[in-house]
């Protein structure tokens, strides 16, 4: 019975190469999300700068 339990644990427990691959995929996904957020921040900064310039022109 113990042998069957060991086999079951091998199936459930990811191998180091699988863990490494999952980690790489997570890092790539997180980097992509960071890139998108950085682009959005730059858009907001640009908009805020333009609004500030227009407000200065009015005064």
C-alpha atoms as a PDB file:
ATOM      1  CA  UNK A   1       0.000   0.000   0.000  1.00  0.00           C
ATOM      2  CA  UNK A   2       2.870   2.368   0.759  1.00  0.00           C
ATOM      3  CA  UNK A   3       4.165   1.957  -2.790  1.00  0.00           C
ATOM      4  CA  UNK A   4       0.821   3.099  -4.181  1.00  0.00           C
ATOM      5  CA  UNK A   5       0.884   6.144  -1.932  1.00  0.00           C
ATOM      6  CA  UNK A   6       4.388   7.007  -3.157  1.00  0.00           C
ATOM      7  CA  UNK A   7       3.247   6.796  -6.773  1.00  0.00           C
ATOM      8  CA  UNK A   8       0.305   9.044  -5.995  1.00  0.00           C
ATOM      9  CA  UNK A   9       2.574  11.613  -4.376  1.00  0.00           C
ATOM     10  CA  UNK A  10       4.817  11.650  -7.450  1.00  0.00           C
ATOM     11  CA  UNK A  11       1.836  12.413  -9.640  1.00  0.00           C
ATOM     12  CA  UNK A  12       0.594  15.224  -7.407  1.00  0.00           C
ATOM     13  CA  UNK A  13       3.958  16.804  -6.606  1.00  0.00           C
ATOM     14  CA  UNK A  14       5.364  18.843  -9.513  1.00  0.00           C
ATOM     15  CA  UNK A  15       8.856  17.933 -10.611  1.00  0.00           C
ATOM     16  CA  UNK A  16      11.576  20.608 -10.294  1.00  0.00           C
ATOM     17  CA  UNK A  17      11.621  21.190 -14.053  1.00  0.00           C
ATOM     18  CA  UNK A  18       7.839  21.698 -14.039  1.00  0.00           C
ATOM     19  CA  UNK A  19       8.097  24.049 -11.083  1.00  0.00           C
ATOM     20  CA  UNK A  20      10.801  26.028 -12.861  1.00  0.00           C
ATOM     21  CA  UNK A  21       8.700  26.249 -16.020  1.00  0.00           C
ATOM     22  CA  UNK A  22       5.641  27.396 -14.054  1.00  0.00           C
ATOM     23  CA  UNK A  23       7.786  30.012 -12.304  1.00  0.00           C
ATOM     24  CA  UNK A  24       9.083  31.276 -15.666  1.00  0.00           C
ATOM     25  CA  UNK A  25       5.542  31.500 -17.024  1.00  0.00           C
ATOM     26  CA  UNK A  26       4.403  33.426 -13.951  1.00  0.00           C
ATOM     27  CA  UNK A  27       7.330  35.817 -14.285  1.00  0.00           C
ATOM     28  CA  UNK A  28       6.577  36.419 -17.971  1.00  0.00           C
ATOM     29  CA  UNK A  29       2.905  37.056 -17.222  1.00  0.00           C
ATOM     30  CA  UNK A  30       3.797  39.401 -14.370  1.00  0.00           C
ATOM     31  CA  UNK A  31       6.276  41.268 -16.591  1.00  0.00           C
ATOM     32  CA  UNK A  32       3.605  41.671 -19.269  1.00  0.00           C
ATOM     33  CA  UNK A  33       1.191  43.041 -16.692  1.00  0.00           C
ATOM     34  CA  UNK A  34       3.873  45.445 -15.436  1.00  0.00           C
ATOM     35  CA  UNK A  35       4.532  46.643 -18.986  1.00  0.00           C
ATOM     36  CA  UNK A  36       0.837  47.373 -19.510  1.00  0.00           C
ATOM     37  CA  UNK A  37       0.600  49.216 -16.187  1.00  0.00           C
ATOM     38  CA  UNK A  38       3.695  51.280 -16.960  1.00  0.00           C
ATOM     39  CA  UNK A  39       2.203  52.302 -20.304  1.00  0.00           C
ATOM     40  CA  UNK A  40      -1.008  53.365 -18.580  1.00  0.00           C
ATOM     41  CA  UNK A  41       0.918  55.353 -15.959  1.00  0.00           C
ATOM     42  CA  UNK A  42       2.779  57.166 -18.732  1.00  0.00           C
ATOM     43  CA  UNK A  43      -0.542  57.971 -20.437  1.00  0.00           C
ATOM     44  CA  UNK A  44      -1.951  59.394 -17.199  1.00  0.00           C
ATOM     45  CA  UNK A  45       1.215  61.416 -16.560  1.00  0.00           C
ATOM     46  CA  UNK A  46       1.044  62.819 -20.085  1.00  0.00           C
ATOM     47  CA  UNK A  47      -2.592  63.756 -19.662  1.00  0.00           C
ATOM     48  CA  UNK A  48      -1.922  65.378 -16.276  1.00  0.00           C
ATOM     49  CA  UNK A  49       0.953  67.365 -17.797  1.00  0.00           C
ATOM     50  CA  UNK A  50      -1.238  68.610 -20.666  1.00  0.00           C
ATOM     51  CA  UNK A  51      -4.028  69.616 -18.265  1.00  0.00           C
ATOM     52  CA  UNK A  52      -1.524  71.447 -16.076  1.00  0.00           C
ATOM     53  CA  UNK A  53      -0.129  73.298 -19.095  1.00  0.00           C
ATOM     54  CA  UNK A  54      -3.619  74.355 -20.200  1.00  0.00           C
ATOM     55  CA  UNK A  55      -4.377  75.605 -16.707  1.00  0.00           C
ATOM     56  CA  UNK A  56      -1.169  77.650 -16.710  1.00  0.00           C
ATOM     57  CA  UNK A  57      -2.022  79.121 -20.118  1.00  0.00           C
ATOM     58  CA  UNK A  58      -5.375  80.322 -18.785  1.00  0.00           C
ATOM     59  CA  UNK A  59      -3.736  82.233 -15.946  1.00  0.00           C
END
